[in-house]
């Protein structure tokens, strides 16, 4: 039996597309980086 959520694949895709410009800007600014696993990680903010 598969237990799903009310969000479909298209909802997830739409939300990812909405966030993409912010992710790209954060990567260019050096605020976040992408690991070898493909996930985003917050970089050190120099505290």
PDB file of N, CA and C in Angstrom:
ATOM      1  N   UNK A   1       0.833  -1.175   0.000  1.00  0.00           N
ATOM      2  CA  UNK A   1       0.000   0.000   0.000  1.00  0.00           C
ATOM      3  C   UNK A   1       0.876   1.236   0.000  1.00  0.00           C
ATOM      4  N   UNK A   2       0.508   2.225  -0.782  1.00  0.00           N
ATOM      5  CA  UNK A   2       1.264   3.463  -0.887  1.00  0.00           C
ATOM      6  C   UNK A   2       0.493   4.581  -0.196  1.00  0.00           C
ATOM      7  N   UNK A   3       1.162   5.261   0.710  1.00  0.00           N
ATOM      8  CA  UNK A   3       0.535   6.399   1.390  1.00  0.00           C
ATOM      9  C   UNK A   3       1.149   7.671   0.827  1.00  0.00           C
ATOM     10  N   UNK A   4       0.387   8.458   0.138  1.00  0.00           N
ATOM     11  CA  UNK A   4       0.888   9.684  -0.461  1.00  0.00           C
ATOM     12  C   UNK A   4       0.375  10.914   0.256  1.00  0.00           C
ATOM     13  N   UNK A   5       0.751  12.052  -0.268  1.00  0.00           N
ATOM     14  CA  UNK A   5       0.276  13.313   0.280  1.00  0.00           C
ATOM     15  C   UNK A   5      -0.650  13.956  -0.727  1.00  0.00           C
ATOM     16  N   UNK A   6      -1.205  15.077  -0.347  1.00  0.00           N
ATOM     17  CA  UNK A   6      -2.106  15.763  -1.258  1.00  0.00           C
ATOM     18  C   UNK A   6      -1.348  16.526  -2.340  1.00  0.00           C
ATOM     19  N   UNK A   7      -0.024  16.627  -2.191  1.00  0.00           N
ATOM     20  CA  UNK A   7       0.785  17.299  -3.201  1.00  0.00           C
ATOM     21  C   UNK A   7       1.189  16.297  -4.269  1.00  0.00           C
ATOM     22  N   UNK A   8       0.928  16.629  -5.505  1.00  0.00           N
ATOM     23  CA  UNK A   8       1.332  15.770  -6.604  1.00  0.00           C
ATOM     24  C   UNK A   8       2.701  16.144  -7.108  1.00  0.00           C
ATOM     25  N   UNK A   9       3.180  15.395  -8.065  1.00  0.00           N
ATOM     26  CA  UNK A   9       4.491  15.680  -8.644  1.00  0.00           C
ATOM     27  C   UNK A   9       4.520  17.055  -9.294  1.00  0.00           C
ATOM     28  N   UNK A  10       3.430  17.456  -9.914  1.00  0.00           N
ATOM     29  CA  UNK A  10       3.416  18.765 -10.573  1.00  0.00           C
ATOM     30  C   UNK A  10       3.487  19.892  -9.546  1.00  0.00           C
ATOM     31  N   UNK A  11       2.889  19.701  -8.359  1.00  0.00           N
ATOM     32  CA  UNK A  11       2.985  20.711  -7.310  1.00  0.00           C
ATOM     33  C   UNK A  11       4.430  20.883  -6.857  1.00  0.00           C
ATOM     34  N   UNK A  12       5.111  19.781  -6.665  1.00  0.00           N
ATOM     35  CA  UNK A  12       6.508  19.821  -6.255  1.00  0.00           C
ATOM     36  C   UNK A  12       7.343  20.510  -7.320  1.00  0.00           C
ATOM     37  N   UNK A  13       7.125  20.156  -8.559  1.00  0.00           N
ATOM     38  CA  UNK A  13       7.870  20.753  -9.668  1.00  0.00           C
ATOM     39  C   UNK A  13       7.628  22.259  -9.735  1.00  0.00           C
ATOM     40  N   UNK A  14       6.388  22.677  -9.541  1.00  0.00           N
ATOM     41  CA  UNK A  14       6.062  24.103  -9.573  1.00  0.00           C
ATOM     42  C   UNK A  14       6.744  24.854  -8.434  1.00  0.00           C
ATOM     43  N   UNK A  15       6.748  24.261  -7.241  1.00  0.00           N
ATOM     44  CA  UNK A  15       7.393  24.910  -6.102  1.00  0.00           C
ATOM     45  C   UNK A  15       8.898  25.011  -6.301  1.00  0.00           C
ATOM     46  N   UNK A  16       9.491  23.987  -6.903  1.00  0.00           N
ATOM     47  CA  UNK A  16      10.928  24.028  -7.171  1.00  0.00           C
ATOM     48  C   UNK A  16      11.257  25.114  -8.189  1.00  0.00           C
ATOM     49  N   UNK A  17      10.423  25.238  -9.213  1.00  0.00           N
ATOM     50  CA  UNK A  17      10.630  26.275 -10.223  1.00  0.00           C
ATOM     51  C   UNK A  17      10.513  27.672  -9.622  1.00  0.00           C
ATOM     52  N   UNK A  18       9.597  27.842  -8.669  1.00  0.00           N
ATOM     53  CA  UNK A  18       9.420  29.142  -8.017  1.00  0.00           C
ATOM     54  C   UNK A  18      10.649  29.531  -7.201  1.00  0.00           C
ATOM     55  N   UNK A  19      11.298  28.554  -6.586  1.00  0.00           N
ATOM     56  CA  UNK A  19      12.467  28.824  -5.735  1.00  0.00           C
ATOM     57  C   UNK A  19      13.766  28.938  -6.522  1.00  0.00           C
ATOM     58  N   UNK A  20      13.810  28.468  -7.739  1.00  0.00           N
ATOM     59  CA  UNK A  20      15.058  28.404  -8.493  1.00  0.00           C
ATOM     60  C   UNK A  20      15.795  29.741  -8.585  1.00  0.00           C
ATOM     61  N   UNK A  21      15.132  30.859  -8.906  1.00  0.00           N
ATOM     62  CA  UNK A  21      15.872  32.127  -8.967  1.00  0.00           C
ATOM     63  C   UNK A  21      16.548  32.497  -7.639  1.00  0.00           C
ATOM     64  N   UNK A  22      15.896  32.212  -6.514  1.00  0.00           N
ATOM     65  CA  UNK A  22      16.487  32.495  -5.206  1.00  0.00           C
ATOM     66  C   UNK A  22      17.681  31.597  -4.937  1.00  0.00           C
ATOM     67  N   UNK A  23      17.580  30.345  -5.333  1.00  0.00           N
ATOM     68  CA  UNK A  23      18.682  29.396  -5.144  1.00  0.00           C
ATOM     69  C   UNK A  23      19.882  29.817  -5.978  1.00  0.00           C
ATOM     70  N   UNK A  24      19.652  30.189  -7.218  1.00  0.00           N
ATOM     71  CA  UNK A  24      20.744  30.620  -8.097  1.00  0.00           C
ATOM     72  C   UNK A  24      21.421  31.860  -7.532  1.00  0.00           C
ATOM     73  N   UNK A  25      20.625  32.828  -7.060  1.00  0.00           N
ATOM     74  CA  UNK A  25      21.188  34.050  -6.482  1.00  0.00           C
ATOM     75  C   UNK A  25      22.011  33.736  -5.230  1.00  0.00           C
ATOM     76  N   UNK A  26      21.526  32.842  -4.387  1.00  0.00           N
ATOM     77  CA  UNK A  26      22.249  32.472  -3.164  1.00  0.00           C
ATOM     78  C   UNK A  26      23.557  31.758  -3.495  1.00  0.00           C
ATOM     79  N   UNK A  27      23.534  30.924  -4.526  1.00  0.00           N
ATOM     80  CA  UNK A  27      24.762  30.236  -4.930  1.00  0.00           C
ATOM     81  C   UNK A  27      25.780  31.225  -5.489  1.00  0.00           C
ATOM     82  N   UNK A  28      25.332  32.182  -6.291  1.00  0.00           N
ATOM     83  CA  UNK A  28      26.238  33.194  -6.842  1.00  0.00           C
ATOM     84  C   UNK A  28      26.825  34.066  -5.748  1.00  0.00           C
ATOM     85  N   UNK A  29      26.021  34.365  -4.709  1.00  0.00           N
ATOM     86  CA  UNK A  29      26.483  35.194  -3.599  1.00  0.00           C
ATOM     87  C   UNK A  29      27.388  34.425  -2.646  1.00  0.00           C
ATOM     88  N   UNK A  30      27.424  33.108  -2.777  1.00  0.00           N
ATOM     89  CA  UNK A  30      28.251  32.287  -1.907  1.00  0.00           C
ATOM     90  C   UNK A  30      27.585  31.951  -0.582  1.00  0.00           C
ATOM     91  N   UNK A  31      26.303  32.250  -0.454  1.00  0.00           N
ATOM     92  CA  UNK A  31      25.568  31.969   0.776  1.00  0.00           C
ATOM     93  C   UNK A  31      25.324  30.477   0.945  1.00  0.00           C
ATOM     94  N   UNK A  32      25.058  29.784  -0.137  1.00  0.00           N
ATOM     95  CA  UNK A  32      24.857  28.341  -0.114  1.00  0.00           C
ATOM     96  C   UNK A  32      25.747  27.702  -1.163  1.00  0.00           C
ATOM     97  N   UNK A  33      26.022  26.440  -0.968  1.00  0.00           N
ATOM     98  CA  UNK A  33      26.789  25.670  -1.931  1.00  0.00           C
ATOM     99  C   UNK A  33      26.123  24.318  -2.113  1.00  0.00           C
ATOM    100  N   UNK A  34      26.482  23.648  -3.180  1.00  0.00           N
ATOM    101  CA  UNK A  34      25.906  22.341  -3.470  1.00  0.00           C
ATOM    102  C   UNK A  34      26.936  21.266  -3.186  1.00  0.00           C
ATOM    103  N   UNK A  35      26.538  20.265  -2.402  1.00  0.00           N
ATOM    104  CA  UNK A  35      27.432  19.174  -2.059  1.00  0.00           C
ATOM    105  C   UNK A  35      27.483  18.137  -3.164  1.00  0.00           C
ATOM    106  N   UNK A  36      28.373  17.169  -3.000  1.00  0.00           N
ATOM    107  CA  UNK A  36      28.501  16.107  -3.997  1.00  0.00           C
ATOM    108  C   UNK A  36      27.254  15.229  -4.044  1.00  0.00           C
ATOM    109  N   UNK A  37      26.404  15.346  -3.019  1.00  0.00           N
ATOM    110  CA  UNK A  37      25.153  14.595  -2.993  1.00  0.00           C
ATOM    111  C   UNK A  37      24.012  15.346  -3.676  1.00  0.00           C
ATOM    112  N   UNK A  38      24.297  16.552  -4.179  1.00  0.00           N
ATOM    113  CA  UNK A  38      23.289  17.337  -4.887  1.00  0.00           C
ATOM    114  C   UNK A  38      22.425  18.201  -3.990  1.00  0.00           C
ATOM    115  N   UNK A  39      22.654  18.152  -2.685  1.00  0.00           N
ATOM    116  CA  UNK A  39      21.880  18.960  -1.755  1.00  0.00           C
ATOM    117  C   UNK A  39      22.541  20.312  -1.529  1.00  0.00           C
ATOM    118  N   UNK A  40      21.748  21.300  -1.150  1.00  0.00           N
ATOM    119  CA  UNK A  40      22.270  22.631  -0.850  1.00  0.00           C
ATOM    120  C   UNK A  40      22.670  22.707   0.614  1.00  0.00           C
ATOM    121  N   UNK A  41      23.789  23.353   0.880  1.00  0.00           N
ATOM    122  CA  UNK A  41      24.283  23.521   2.233  1.00  0.00           C
ATOM    123  C   UNK A  41      24.615  24.988   2.477  1.00  0.00           C
ATOM    124  N   UNK A  42      24.266  25.478   3.657  1.00  0.00           N
ATOM    125  CA  UNK A  42      24.591  26.844   4.037  1.00  0.00           C
ATOM    126  C   UNK A  42      26.076  26.902   4.304  1.00  0.00           C
ATOM    127  N   UNK A  43      26.722  27.892   3.689  1.00  0.00           N
ATOM    128  CA  UNK A  43      28.158  28.047   3.898  1.00  0.00           C
ATOM    129  C   UNK A  43      28.382  28.872   5.143  1.00  0.00           C
ATOM    130  N   UNK A  44      29.576  28.831   5.648  1.00  0.00           N
ATOM    131  CA  UNK A  44      29.948  29.588   6.836  1.00  0.00           C
ATOM    132  C   UNK A  44      29.703  31.079   6.587  1.00  0.00           C
ATOM    133  N   UNK A  45      29.111  31.739   7.562  1.00  0.00           N
ATOM    134  CA  UNK A  45      28.826  33.162   7.405  1.00  0.00           C
ATOM    135  C   UNK A  45      29.837  34.039   8.127  1.00  0.00           C
ATOM    136  N   UNK A  46      30.931  33.421   8.583  1.00  0.00           N
ATOM    137  CA  UNK A  46      32.038  34.162   9.155  1.00  0.00           C
ATOM    138  C   UNK A  46      31.828  34.693  10.558  1.00  0.00           C
ATOM    139  N   UNK A  47      31.161  33.948  11.390  1.00  0.00           N
ATOM    140  CA  UNK A  47      30.966  34.392  12.782  1.00  0.00           C
ATOM    141  C   UNK A  47      32.211  34.238  13.550  1.00  0.00           C
TER     142      UNK A  47
END
